[in-house]
C-alpha atoms as a PDB file:
ATOM      1  CA  MET A   1      24.351   7.803  35.109  1.00  0.00           C
ATOM      2  CA  TYR A   2      24.376   8.304  31.343  1.00  0.00           C
ATOM      3  CA  VAL A   3      21.991  10.788  29.763  1.00  0.00           C
ATOM      4  CA  PHE A   4      22.715   9.782  26.176  1.00  0.00           C
ATOM      5  CA  GLY A   5      24.088   6.587  24.695  1.00  0.00           C
ATOM      6  CA  GLU A   6      25.027   5.368  21.230  1.00  0.00           C
ATOM      7  CA  ILE A   7      23.166   2.675  19.311  1.00  0.00           C
ATOM      8  CA  ASP A   8      25.283  -0.187  18.065  1.00  0.00           C
ATOM      9  CA  LYS A   9      24.824   0.293  14.323  1.00  0.00           C
ATOM     10  CA  SER A  10      26.086  -3.216  13.568  1.00  0.00           C
ATOM     11  CA  SER A  11      22.974  -4.596  15.259  1.00  0.00           C
ATOM     12  CA  THR A  12      20.544  -2.469  13.230  1.00  0.00           C
ATOM     13  CA  VAL A  13      18.302  -4.501  10.931  1.00  0.00           C
ATOM     14  CA  ILE A  14      16.485  -3.018   7.909  1.00  0.00           C
ATOM     15  CA  GLU A  15      13.966  -5.142   6.014  1.00  0.00           C
ATOM     16  CA  ASN A  16      11.230  -4.555   3.443  1.00  0.00           C
ATOM     17  CA  ASN A  17       7.789  -6.098   3.738  1.00  0.00           C
ATOM     18  CA  ILE A  18       5.027  -6.061   1.117  1.00  0.00           C
ATOM     19  CA  VAL A  19       1.580  -5.288   2.478  1.00  0.00           C
ATOM     20  CA  ASN A  20      -1.590  -5.956   0.467  1.00  0.00           C
ATOM     21  CA  TYR A  21      -5.078  -4.747   1.304  1.00  0.00           C
ATOM     22  CA  THR A  22      -8.221  -5.733  -0.572  1.00  0.00           C
ATOM     23  CA  GLN A  23     -10.157  -2.680  -1.746  1.00  0.00           C
ATOM     24  CA  ASN A  24     -13.873  -2.866  -2.544  1.00  0.00           C
ATOM     25  CA  LEU A  25     -14.962   0.308  -4.326  1.00  0.00           C
ATOM     26  CA  THR A  26     -17.951   1.631  -6.249  1.00  0.00           C
ATOM     27  CA  THR A  27     -18.585   4.523  -8.596  1.00  0.00           C
ATOM     28  CA  SER A  28     -19.575   6.585  -5.537  1.00  0.00           C
ATOM     29  CA  SER A  29     -16.228   6.021  -3.772  1.00  0.00           C
ATOM     30  CA  VAL A  30     -14.322   9.265  -3.266  1.00  0.00           C
ATOM     31  CA  GLY A  31     -11.993  10.010  -6.177  1.00  0.00           C
ATOM     32  CA  ILE A  32     -13.171   7.249  -8.517  1.00  0.00           C
ATOM     33  CA  GLN A  33     -13.768   8.669 -12.002  1.00  0.00           C
ATOM     34  CA  SER A  34     -15.083   7.186 -15.221  1.00  0.00           C
ATOM     35  CA  ILE A  35     -14.540   8.909 -18.546  1.00  0.00           C
ATOM     36  CA  LYS A  36     -16.239   7.905 -21.794  1.00  0.00           C
ATOM     37  CA  ILE A  37     -14.163   8.638 -24.870  1.00  0.00           C
ATOM     38  CA  VAL A  38     -15.895   8.834 -28.242  1.00  0.00           C
ATOM     39  CA  SER A  39     -13.851   9.514 -31.337  1.00  0.00           C
ATOM     40  CA  GLY A  40     -14.013  13.144 -32.388  1.00  0.00           C
ATOM     41  CA  SER A  41     -16.773  14.133 -29.986  1.00  0.00           C
ATOM     42  CA  ILE A  42     -16.396  13.324 -26.291  1.00  0.00           C
ATOM     43  CA  SER A  43     -13.192  13.599 -24.230  1.00  0.00           C
ATOM     44  CA  SER A  44     -11.000  12.901 -27.246  1.00  0.00           C
ATOM     45  CA  SER A  45      -8.148  14.768 -25.559  1.00  0.00           C
ATOM     46  CA  TYR A  46      -7.998  11.964 -22.975  1.00  0.00           C
ATOM     47  CA  TRP A  47      -7.459   9.467 -25.760  1.00  0.00           C
ATOM     48  CA  ASP A  48      -4.725  11.648 -27.222  1.00  0.00           C
ATOM     49  CA  SER A  49      -2.906  11.482 -23.891  1.00  0.00           C
ATOM     50  CA  LEU A  50      -3.396   7.732 -23.550  1.00  0.00           C
ATOM     51  CA  ASN A  51      -2.277   7.187 -27.109  1.00  0.00           C
ATOM     52  CA  VAL A  52       0.957   9.119 -26.570  1.00  0.00           C
ATOM     53  CA  LEU A  53       1.694   7.478 -23.210  1.00  0.00           C
ATOM     54  CA  PHE A  54       0.781   3.875 -23.986  1.00  0.00           C
ATOM     55  CA  TYR A  55      -0.536   3.126 -27.458  1.00  0.00           C
ATOM     56  CA  THR A  56       1.690   4.826 -30.027  1.00  0.00           C
ATOM     57  CA  SER A  57       4.433   3.127 -31.998  1.00  0.00           C
ATOM     58  CA  GLY A  58       6.871   3.792 -29.180  1.00  0.00           C
ATOM     59  CA  SER A  59       4.937   1.583 -26.761  1.00  0.00           C
ATOM     60  CA  SER A  60       5.651  -2.080 -26.132  1.00  0.00           C
ATOM     61  CA  GLN A  61       4.986  -4.422 -29.040  1.00  0.00           C
ATOM     62  CA  TYR A  62       3.284  -7.776 -28.833  1.00  0.00           C
ATOM     63  CA  PRO A  63       5.688 -10.430 -30.170  1.00  0.00           C
ATOM     64  CA  GLY A  64       3.113 -12.955 -31.328  1.00  0.00           C
ATOM     65  CA  GLU A  65       0.629 -15.586 -30.238  1.00  0.00           C
ATOM     66  CA  THR A  66       3.033 -17.415 -27.917  1.00  0.00           C
ATOM     67  CA  ARG A  67       1.965 -15.408 -24.917  1.00  0.00           C
ATOM     68  CA  LEU A  68       0.732 -18.085 -22.489  1.00  0.00           C
ATOM     69  CA  GLY A  69       1.662 -21.631 -21.661  1.00  0.00           C
ATOM     70  CA  THR A  70      -1.471 -23.419 -20.453  1.00  0.00           C
ATOM     71  CA  PRO A  71      -4.787 -21.634 -21.189  1.00  0.00           C
ATOM     72  CA  SER A  72      -7.149 -21.622 -18.230  1.00  0.00           C
ATOM     73  CA  SER A  73     -10.013 -19.547 -16.891  1.00  0.00           C
ATOM     74  CA  ASN A  74      -9.214 -20.695 -13.341  1.00  0.00           C
ATOM     75  CA  LEU A  75      -7.978 -17.569 -11.563  1.00  0.00           C
ATOM     76  CA  SER A  76      -5.906 -19.604  -9.099  1.00  0.00           C
ATOM     77  CA  ILE A  77      -3.654 -20.804 -11.936  1.00  0.00           C
ATOM     78  CA  GLN A  78      -1.157 -18.167 -13.022  1.00  0.00           C
ATOM     79  CA  PRO A  79       0.346 -18.228 -16.530  1.00  0.00           C
ATOM     80  CA  THR A  80       4.025 -19.024 -16.694  1.00  0.00           C
ATOM     81  CA  ARG A  81       4.941 -16.058 -18.833  1.00  0.00           C
ATOM     82  CA  GLY A  82       3.246 -13.122 -20.502  1.00  0.00           C
ATOM     83  CA  GLU A  83       3.398  -9.553 -21.676  1.00  0.00           C
ATOM     84  CA  GLN A  84       1.051  -6.637 -21.830  1.00  0.00           C
ATOM     85  CA  PHE A  85      -0.621  -6.625 -25.230  1.00  0.00           C
ATOM     86  CA  LEU A  86      -0.931  -3.022 -26.422  1.00  0.00           C
ATOM     87  CA  THR A  87      -0.702  -3.120 -30.196  1.00  0.00           C
ATOM     88  CA  LYS A  88      -4.265  -4.391 -30.632  1.00  0.00           C
ATOM     89  CA  TYR A  89      -5.582  -0.994 -29.560  1.00  0.00           C
ATOM     90  CA  HIS A  90      -3.459   1.298 -31.688  1.00  0.00           C
ATOM     91  CA  GLY A  91      -5.848   3.610 -33.457  1.00  0.00           C
ATOM     92  CA  TYR A  92      -8.877   2.813 -31.249  1.00  0.00           C
ATOM     93  CA  PRO A  93     -10.100   6.303 -30.372  1.00  0.00           C
ATOM     94  CA  SER A  94     -13.190   5.117 -28.459  1.00  0.00           C
ATOM     95  CA  SER A  95     -12.881   3.690 -24.952  1.00  0.00           C
ATOM     96  CA  SER A  96     -13.820   3.997 -21.286  1.00  0.00           C
ATOM     97  CA  VAL A  97     -11.209   5.083 -18.762  1.00  0.00           C
ATOM     98  CA  ILE A  98     -11.483   4.312 -15.044  1.00  0.00           C
ATOM     99  CA  GLN A  99      -9.229   6.401 -12.829  1.00  0.00           C
ATOM    100  CA  ILE A 100      -8.354   5.101  -9.352  1.00  0.00           C
ATOM    101  CA  PRO A 101      -6.605   7.455  -6.870  1.00  0.00           C
ATOM    102  CA  SER A 102      -3.327   6.290  -5.324  1.00  0.00           C
ATOM    103  CA  GLN A 103      -4.903   6.553  -1.863  1.00  0.00           C
ATOM    104  CA  TYR A 104      -6.531   3.209  -2.687  1.00  0.00           C
ATOM    105  CA  TYR A 105      -3.798   1.314  -4.506  1.00  0.00           C
ATOM    106  CA  GLY A 106      -0.650   2.696  -2.828  1.00  0.00           C
ATOM    107  CA  GLU A 107       2.385   1.959  -4.992  1.00  0.00           C
ATOM    108  CA  LYS A 108       0.405  -0.052  -7.513  1.00  0.00           C
ATOM    109  CA  ILE A 109      -2.572  -2.352  -8.028  1.00  0.00           C
ATOM    110  CA  GLN A 110      -1.451  -5.897  -7.291  1.00  0.00           C
ATOM    111  CA  GLU A 111      -1.164  -7.879 -10.496  1.00  0.00           C
ATOM    112  CA  GLY A 112      -3.856 -10.494 -10.969  1.00  0.00           C
ATOM    113  CA  SER A 113      -6.226  -9.004  -8.375  1.00  0.00           C
ATOM    114  CA  PHE A 114      -8.336  -6.560 -10.417  1.00  0.00           C
ATOM    115  CA  GLN A 115     -12.043  -7.250 -10.947  1.00  0.00           C
ATOM    116  CA  PHE A 116     -14.579  -4.943 -12.567  1.00  0.00           C
ATOM    117  CA  THR A 117     -18.307  -5.756 -12.326  1.00  0.00           C
ATOM    118  CA  ASP A 118     -20.793  -3.656 -14.289  1.00  0.00           C
ATOM    119  CA  LEU A 119     -24.095  -3.094 -12.456  1.00  0.00           C
ATOM    120  CA  ASN A 120     -26.153  -1.339 -15.119  1.00  0.00           C
ATOM    121  CA  ASN A 121     -26.173  -4.127 -17.687  1.00  0.00           C
ATOM    122  CA  THR A 122     -27.124  -7.801 -17.658  1.00  0.00           C
ATOM    123  CA  ASP A 123     -27.640 -10.564 -20.187  1.00  0.00           C
ATOM    124  CA  ASN A 124     -30.880 -12.529 -20.576  1.00  0.00           C
ATOM    125  CA  SER A 125     -29.910 -14.651 -17.567  1.00  0.00           C
ATOM    126  CA  SER A 126     -29.386 -11.573 -15.341  1.00  0.00           C
ATOM    127  CA  ASN A 127     -25.604 -12.016 -15.309  1.00  0.00           C
ATOM    128  CA  ASN A 128     -23.562  -8.842 -14.910  1.00  0.00           C
ATOM    129  CA  PRO A 129     -20.478  -8.323 -17.091  1.00  0.00           C
ATOM    130  CA  ILE A 130     -17.285  -9.167 -15.211  1.00  0.00           C
ATOM    131  CA  ILE A 131     -13.820  -8.098 -16.384  1.00  0.00           C
ATOM    132  CA  ILE A 132     -10.571  -9.106 -14.703  1.00  0.00           C
ATOM    133  CA  ASP A 133      -6.853  -8.718 -15.404  1.00  0.00           C
ATOM    134  CA  ASP A 134      -4.492 -11.512 -16.369  1.00  0.00           C
ATOM    135  CA  GLY A 135      -1.589 -10.359 -14.201  1.00  0.00           C
ATOM    136  CA  PHE A 136       0.279  -8.776 -17.119  1.00  0.00           C
ATOM    137  CA  GLY A 137      -1.809  -5.677 -17.767  1.00  0.00           C
ATOM    138  CA  ASN A 138      -4.476  -7.144 -20.084  1.00  0.00           C
ATOM    139  CA  LEU A 139      -8.203  -7.109 -19.343  1.00  0.00           C
ATOM    140  CA  TYR A 140     -10.656  -9.792 -20.429  1.00  0.00           C
ATOM    141  CA  SER A 141     -14.181 -10.847 -19.514  1.00  0.00           C
ATOM    142  CA  THR A 142     -14.776 -14.065 -17.589  1.00  0.00           C
ATOM    143  CA  ASN A 143     -18.382 -14.401 -18.731  1.00  0.00           C
ATOM    144  CA  ALA A 144     -18.561 -12.826 -22.195  1.00  0.00           C
ATOM    145  CA  HIS A 145     -20.949 -14.439 -24.668  1.00  0.00           C
ATOM    146  CA  HIS A 146     -18.535 -13.812 -27.524  1.00  0.00           C
ATOM    147  CA  SER A 147     -15.075 -15.161 -26.719  1.00  0.00           C
ATOM    148  CA  GLN A 148     -12.287 -17.553 -27.594  1.00  0.00           C
ATOM    149  CA  SER A 149     -11.277 -20.537 -25.449  1.00  0.00           C
ATOM    150  CA  THR A 150     -14.144 -20.379 -22.917  1.00  0.00           C
ATOM    151  CA  ASN A 151     -13.632 -16.787 -21.770  1.00  0.00           C
ATOM    152  CA  ALA A 152     -10.036 -17.418 -20.775  1.00  0.00           C
ATOM    153  CA  ASN A 153      -7.090 -15.110 -21.285  1.00  0.00           C
ATOM    154  CA  SER A 154      -5.444 -17.614 -23.613  1.00  0.00           C
ATOM    155  CA  SER A 155      -6.259 -15.714 -26.783  1.00  0.00           C
ATOM    156  CA  SER A 156      -5.627 -12.054 -27.561  1.00  0.00           C
ATOM    157  CA  ASP A 157      -9.056 -12.046 -29.231  1.00  0.00           C
ATOM    158  CA  ASN A 158     -10.536 -12.022 -25.724  1.00  0.00           C
ATOM    159  CA  TYR A 159      -8.678  -8.916 -24.536  1.00  0.00           C
ATOM    160  CA  VAL A 160     -10.980  -5.954 -24.049  1.00  0.00           C
ATOM    161  CA  GLY A 161      -8.530  -3.398 -22.685  1.00  0.00           C
ATOM    162  CA  ASN A 162      -5.545  -2.753 -20.473  1.00  0.00           C
ATOM    163  CA  ILE A 163      -4.758  -1.932 -16.885  1.00  0.00           C
ATOM    164  CA  PHE A 164      -1.733   0.129 -15.899  1.00  0.00           C
ATOM    165  CA  TYR A 165      -1.060  -1.052 -12.379  1.00  0.00           C
ATOM    166  CA  ASP A 166       1.243   1.707 -11.158  1.00  0.00           C
ATOM    167  CA  LYS A 167      -0.906   4.472 -12.655  1.00  0.00           C
ATOM    168  CA  GLY A 168      -4.299   3.311 -11.320  1.00  0.00           C
ATOM    169  CA  LEU A 169      -5.772   3.333 -14.836  1.00  0.00           C
ATOM    170  CA  ALA A 170      -8.090   0.729 -16.343  1.00  0.00           C
ATOM    171  CA  VAL A 171      -8.947   1.265 -20.006  1.00  0.00           C
ATOM    172  CA  ILE A 172     -11.737  -0.669 -21.749  1.00  0.00           C
ATOM    173  CA  THR A 173     -11.039  -0.257 -25.455  1.00  0.00           C
ATOM    174  CA  GLU A 174     -13.129  -3.034 -26.990  1.00  0.00           C
ATOM    175  CA  THR A 175     -16.243  -1.636 -28.709  1.00  0.00           C
ATOM    176  CA  GLY A 176     -17.740  -4.959 -29.777  1.00  0.00           C
ATOM    177  CA  SER A 177     -20.435  -7.034 -28.121  1.00  0.00           C
ATOM    178  CA  TRP A 178     -20.214  -8.574 -24.653  1.00  0.00           C
ATOM    179  CA  SER A 179     -23.582 -10.246 -25.194  1.00  0.00           C
ATOM    180  CA  GLY A 180     -26.333 -10.009 -27.754  1.00  0.00           C
ATOM    181  CA  SER A 181     -27.772  -6.870 -26.161  1.00  0.00           C
ATOM    182  CA  VAL A 182     -24.791  -5.342 -24.342  1.00  0.00           C
ATOM    183  CA  ASP A 183     -21.712  -3.765 -25.927  1.00  0.00           C
ATOM    184  CA  TYR A 184     -18.470  -3.048 -24.087  1.00  0.00           C
ATOM    185  CA  SER A 185     -19.053   0.622 -24.866  1.00  0.00           C
ATOM    186  CA  ASP A 186     -22.171   0.410 -22.652  1.00  0.00           C
ATOM    187  CA  LEU A 187     -20.089  -0.469 -19.578  1.00  0.00           C
ATOM    188  CA  ALA A 188     -18.261   1.643 -16.975  1.00  0.00           C
ATOM    189  CA  THR A 189     -21.133   3.882 -15.893  1.00  0.00           C
ATOM    190  CA  ASN A 190     -22.177   2.114 -12.693  1.00  0.00           C
ATOM    191  CA  TYR A 191     -19.898  -0.624 -11.382  1.00  0.00           C
ATOM    192  CA  THR A 192     -17.895  -2.087  -8.529  1.00  0.00           C
ATOM    193  CA  LEU A 193     -14.130  -2.534  -8.348  1.00  0.00           C
ATOM    194  CA  LYS A 194     -12.177  -5.057  -6.332  1.00  0.00           C
ATOM    195  CA  PHE A 195      -8.384  -5.255  -6.186  1.00  0.00           C
ATOM    196  CA  ASP A 196      -5.454  -5.558  -3.791  1.00  0.00           C
ATOM    197  CA  SER A 197      -3.331  -2.521  -3.052  1.00  0.00           C
ATOM    198  CA  HIS A 198       0.446  -2.921  -2.939  1.00  0.00           C
ATOM    199  CA  ASN A 199       2.638  -1.079  -0.451  1.00  0.00           C
ATOM    200  CA  THR A 200       6.200  -1.608   0.692  1.00  0.00           C
ATOM    201  CA  ILE A 201       6.845  -0.987   4.382  1.00  0.00           C
ATOM    202  CA  ARG A 202      10.488  -0.579   5.375  1.00  0.00           C
ATOM    203  CA  THR A 203      11.127  -1.645   8.953  1.00  0.00           C
ATOM    204  CA  HIS A 204      14.155  -0.389  10.894  1.00  0.00           C
ATOM    205  CA  GLU A 205      15.006  -2.357  14.036  1.00  0.00           C
ATOM    206  CA  TYR A 206      17.334  -0.740  16.570  1.00  0.00           C
ATOM    207  CA  ASN A 207      18.848  -2.452  19.624  1.00  0.00           C
ATOM    208  CA  VAL A 208      19.294  -0.375  22.783  1.00  0.00           C
ATOM    209  CA  ASN A 209      21.469  -2.162  25.342  1.00  0.00           C
ATOM    210  CA  LEU A 210      21.626  -0.888  28.941  1.00  0.00           C
ATOM    211  CA  LEU A 211      24.422  -2.002  31.285  1.00  0.00           C
ATOM    212  CA  PRO A 212      23.598  -2.468  35.009  1.00  0.00           C
ATOM    213  CA  GLN A 213      25.420   0.755  35.900  1.00  0.00           C
ATOM    214  CA  ASP A 214      23.627   2.809  33.206  1.00  0.00           C
ATOM    215  CA  TYR A 215      20.483   4.869  33.640  1.00  0.00           C
ATOM    216  CA  ASN A 216      20.079   3.907  37.287  1.00  0.00           C
ATOM    217  CA  LEU A 217      18.929   7.333  38.469  1.00  0.00           C
ATOM    218  CA  THR A 218      15.819   9.314  37.678  1.00  0.00           C
ATOM    219  CA  MET A 219      14.921  12.982  37.366  1.00  0.00           C
ATOM    220  CA  ASN A 220      11.196  12.350  37.646  1.00  0.00           C
ATOM    221  CA  TYR A 221       9.672  14.979  39.946  1.00  0.00           C
ATOM    222  CA  SER A 222       7.260  12.444  41.410  1.00  0.00           C
ATOM    223  CA  ILE A 223      10.008  10.993  43.651  1.00  0.00           C
ATOM    224  CA  ARG A 224      10.748  14.354  45.309  1.00  0.00           C
ATOM    225  CA  ASN A 225       9.313  16.092  48.367  1.00  0.00           C
ATOM    226  CA  VAL A 226       9.141  19.843  48.948  1.00  0.00           C
ATOM    227  CA  LEU A 227      11.549  20.981  51.653  1.00  0.00           C
ATOM    228  CA  SER A 228       9.773  21.522  54.962  1.00  0.00           C
ATOM    229  CA  GLY A 229       8.685  25.118  55.467  1.00  0.00           C
ATOM    230  CA  SER A 230       9.727  26.226  51.967  1.00  0.00           C
ATOM    231  CA  SER A 231       7.504  28.802  50.281  1.00  0.00           C
ATOM    232  CA  ILE A 232       9.531  28.839  47.057  1.00  0.00           C
ATOM    233  CA  PRO A 233       7.861  27.178  44.036  1.00  0.00           C
ATOM    234  CA  PHE A 234       8.665  23.505  43.627  1.00  0.00           C
ATOM    235  CA  SER A 235      11.937  22.817  41.755  1.00  0.00           C
ATOM    236  CA  LEU A 236      14.996  20.634  42.014  1.00  0.00           C
ATOM    237  CA  ALA A 237      16.610  23.277  44.211  1.00  0.00           C
ATOM    238  CA  THR A 238      13.698  23.437  46.663  1.00  0.00           C
ATOM    239  CA  SER A 239      12.998  19.716  46.969  1.00  0.00           C
ATOM    240  CA  THR A 240      14.631  16.510  48.106  1.00  0.00           C
ATOM    241  CA  ILE A 241      14.337  12.861  47.136  1.00  0.00           C
ATOM    242  CA  ALA A 242      11.758  11.039  49.224  1.00  0.00           C
ATOM    243  CA  SER A 243      13.224   8.441  51.563  1.00  0.00           C
ATOM    244  CA  THR A 244      11.350   5.664  49.765  1.00  0.00           C
ATOM    245  CA  TYR A 245      13.623   6.153  46.761  1.00  0.00           C
ATOM    246  CA  THR A 246      16.994   6.476  48.498  1.00  0.00           C
ATOM    247  CA  GLY A 247      17.502   2.839  49.445  1.00  0.00           C
ATOM    248  CA  SER A 248      19.689   0.366  47.560  1.00  0.00           C
ATOM    249  CA  ASP A 249      16.630  -1.552  46.373  1.00  0.00           C
ATOM    250  CA  PHE A 250      15.357   1.333  44.285  1.00  0.00           C
ATOM    251  CA  GLN A 251      15.788   1.108  40.545  1.00  0.00           C
ATOM    252  CA  PRO A 252      14.058   3.488  38.124  1.00  0.00           C
ATOM    253  CA  TYR A 253      11.502   2.434  35.513  1.00  0.00           C
ATOM    254  CA  ILE A 254      11.757   3.316  31.847  1.00  0.00           C
ATOM    255  CA  THR A 255       8.575   4.452  30.111  1.00  0.00           C
ATOM    256  CA  ALA A 256       9.958   5.926  26.861  1.00  0.00           C
ATOM    257  CA  ILE A 257      13.143   5.959  24.792  1.00  0.00           C
ATOM    258  CA  ASN A 258      14.061   9.000  22.718  1.00  0.00           C
ATOM    259  CA  LEU A 259      16.220   8.698  19.602  1.00  0.00           C
ATOM    260  CA  TYR A 260      18.325  11.688  18.564  1.00  0.00           C
ATOM    261  CA  GLN A 261      20.442  12.622  15.605  1.00  0.00           C
ATOM    262  CA  ASN A 262      24.163  12.469  16.243  1.00  0.00           C
ATOM    263  CA  ASP A 263      25.367  15.596  18.124  1.00  0.00           C
ATOM    264  CA  ASP A 264      21.900  17.144  18.008  1.00  0.00           C
ATOM    265  CA  TYR A 265      20.180  16.687  21.346  1.00  0.00           C
ATOM    266  CA  ASP A 266      17.770  19.626  21.301  1.00  0.00           C
ATOM    267  CA  GLY A 267      14.831  17.454  20.316  1.00  0.00           C
ATOM    268  CA  PRO A 268      14.339  13.749  19.555  1.00  0.00           C
ATOM    269  CA  VAL A 269      13.604  12.625  16.008  1.00  0.00           C
ATOM    270  CA  MET A 270      11.550   9.748  17.376  1.00  0.00           C
ATOM    271  CA  GLN A 271      10.143   8.599  20.689  1.00  0.00           C
ATOM    272  CA  ALA A 272       9.433   4.955  21.439  1.00  0.00           C
ATOM    273  CA  THR A 273       6.764   4.679  24.134  1.00  0.00           C
ATOM    274  CA  LEU A 274       6.836   1.367  25.960  1.00  0.00           C
ATOM    275  CA  PRO A 275       3.540  -0.512  26.452  1.00  0.00           C
ATOM    276  CA  ARG A 276       4.302  -0.672  30.171  1.00  0.00           C
ATOM    277  CA  PRO A 277       7.050   0.677  32.474  1.00  0.00           C
ATOM    278  CA  ILE A 278      10.152  -1.544  32.537  1.00  0.00           C
ATOM    279  CA  ARG A 279      12.307  -1.684  35.662  1.00  0.00           C
ATOM    280  CA  VAL A 280      16.029  -1.242  34.989  1.00  0.00           C
ATOM    281  CA  SER A 281      18.105  -4.097  36.353  1.00  0.00           C
ATOM    282  CA  ASP A 282      21.224  -3.396  38.424  1.00  0.00           C
ATOM    283  CA  LYS A 283      22.534  -6.943  37.880  1.00  0.00           C
ATOM    284  CA  ILE A 284      22.147  -7.849  34.211  1.00  0.00           C
ATOM    285  CA  ASN A 285      22.019  -6.048  30.883  1.00  0.00           C
ATOM    286  CA  THR A 286      18.643  -4.802  29.679  1.00  0.00           C
ATOM    287  CA  ARG A 287      18.009  -4.782  25.933  1.00  0.00           C
ATOM    288  CA  PHE A 288      15.215  -2.978  24.132  1.00  0.00           C
ATOM    289  CA  LYS A 289      14.317  -3.622  20.478  1.00  0.00           C
ATOM    290  CA  ILE A 290      12.765  -0.611  18.737  1.00  0.00           C
ATOM    291  CA  ARG A 291      10.985  -1.187  15.430  1.00  0.00           C
ATOM    292  CA  LEU A 292      10.162   1.746  13.161  1.00  0.00           C
ATOM    293  CA  ASP A 293       7.896   1.197  10.140  1.00  0.00           C
ATOM    294  CA  ILE A 294       8.267   3.705   7.298  1.00  0.00           C
END
């Protein structure tokens, strides 16, 4: 009977899987913050930080008006190429910043999934302002009254801000008019957010192969009987295997597999608990596949 065995490392499989989860949040969701920045008066230090990080001359430059291939407001059609357009907002000290904690977006907000809906403001037809991202870090409104190319992201004139996917930051920098009575500076007080989180799960798959002659005994106390007439506390020394488990037909069941570091057997680094006990075969090999998601 073997107590410990080695895993065949050549059979180990490691793969990465992207997991997305749709988040639906509101201004009352834990950790969501909105900050109004007004030049020279309110939260201007936030703008100083944003300007240094994203909007100064060292940030990415927009190469020209050749950004998209086929303009479209249909969200199911993705542009063939694009870049985040930052230079439009150099020197705009007034904006609204929405901060989203990483507990919601994971590694980043999935590109092309962000949607902001303002709840405090409507136009004359009771439509709420809606702002989405174009998949490249630019924000634009899908239902603005003042726009180019039918509210599509085909013109930089329609951009109203930026989203920084891996930072959880959405910045509305446009201060002009969304409709005749609503300015973009009026937004981001009461709203809903919808986006997909992005997480990478690394899966390790280990193969544990048992030969018929391996692990064919058990140390489980439940198979033992106390010696007749013994008054000493129950232990291996004061008990014997019950006759039911001494025949040739008996094979133990496996309920858990412990994985240890090499040459360190004081405590397992992981335990795989089986969904049901598995009887060890004394005729053919038994193989267990253990999957660990990290």
